[in-house]
Amino acid sequence: MLISVGLMLILFSFANSKQGDMRVKNTDVTVTQSYDNYFIDQQDVIGLMTNSGEDVLDKESFKKIKFKKLEKQIKQNLFVEDVEVFRDVKGTLYAKVQQRKPIVRIARSFGYDFYLDAKGNIFPMSQKFTARVLIAEGPFMNKLLLKGFKKDKTYLPYLEFMKRIEKDEFLSAQIHQISIDELGRIKMYQQVGQQVIEFGYPDENLDKKFKKLQLFYERILPNKGWNAYTRVNLNFENQIICE
């Protein structure tokens, strides 16, 4: 029994020694292209891992590779939401990258446009790819950007409003743009139909307003036609004002 235990310890030590001396044989990068977003690709990730080719990973000893440092380098790209770097016993170095998912494009009358995700993170436009998402513009959005979107609790109901549109299959296709005026009142513009929908504030009546909007699409438009009105107001209690 003592001999068997001793032999196992020797074999275990030998295996650990072999693992410690192992070098990188392959690099496997996976970028999750979820939601049909293509902001970053495998070559971009390799460039981040190697400091644009200055650092060599191929045949490098795993003893010298710091996984957390590589993850930090990859996260320098603002389109990266999460990343995991690890290895296997055969000598392959893996990097699994999750991209950010924008739900809104913030259009500005001055300066560059930005994307906004469901967590309230703001990140820049990409030269590689343009996401087809809801466009938000107006003085109120500019004000929130200047303050720092996540630092101002005022943004929370507006983010919830945008998330509701993004999650709804019909509304995400039908509502292509919103404008938010200086006071924070929302207007919605459609892909089909000439009506401007006055949603107002995303306040405690948010659910009621979305139910009225659903009623407008399911009951009123089929009876009156898509071109019957130019203005729809959802702000009044238990009423839908169509003009």
Foldseek 3Di string as FASTA:
>chain_A
DVVVVVVVVVVVVVLVVCQQAAAAAEEAEAEPCPPVDPQDDPVNLVCLQQVNVVRDRHRHGPNPDDFVVSQVSSVVPVQWDGWGWDADSVRYIYIYTYGADFAEWEDEPDDAIWTAGLVGDIGGDGPVDDDQHAYEYEPVVVVCVVVPVVVDPLCVLVSVLSVVQSVDPVSRQFFRYWYQYPVGWIWTDTPAAQAIEGQTHSDPCVVVLVVVVVCCVPPVCVVQHRHNFHYWYSPDPPDIDTD
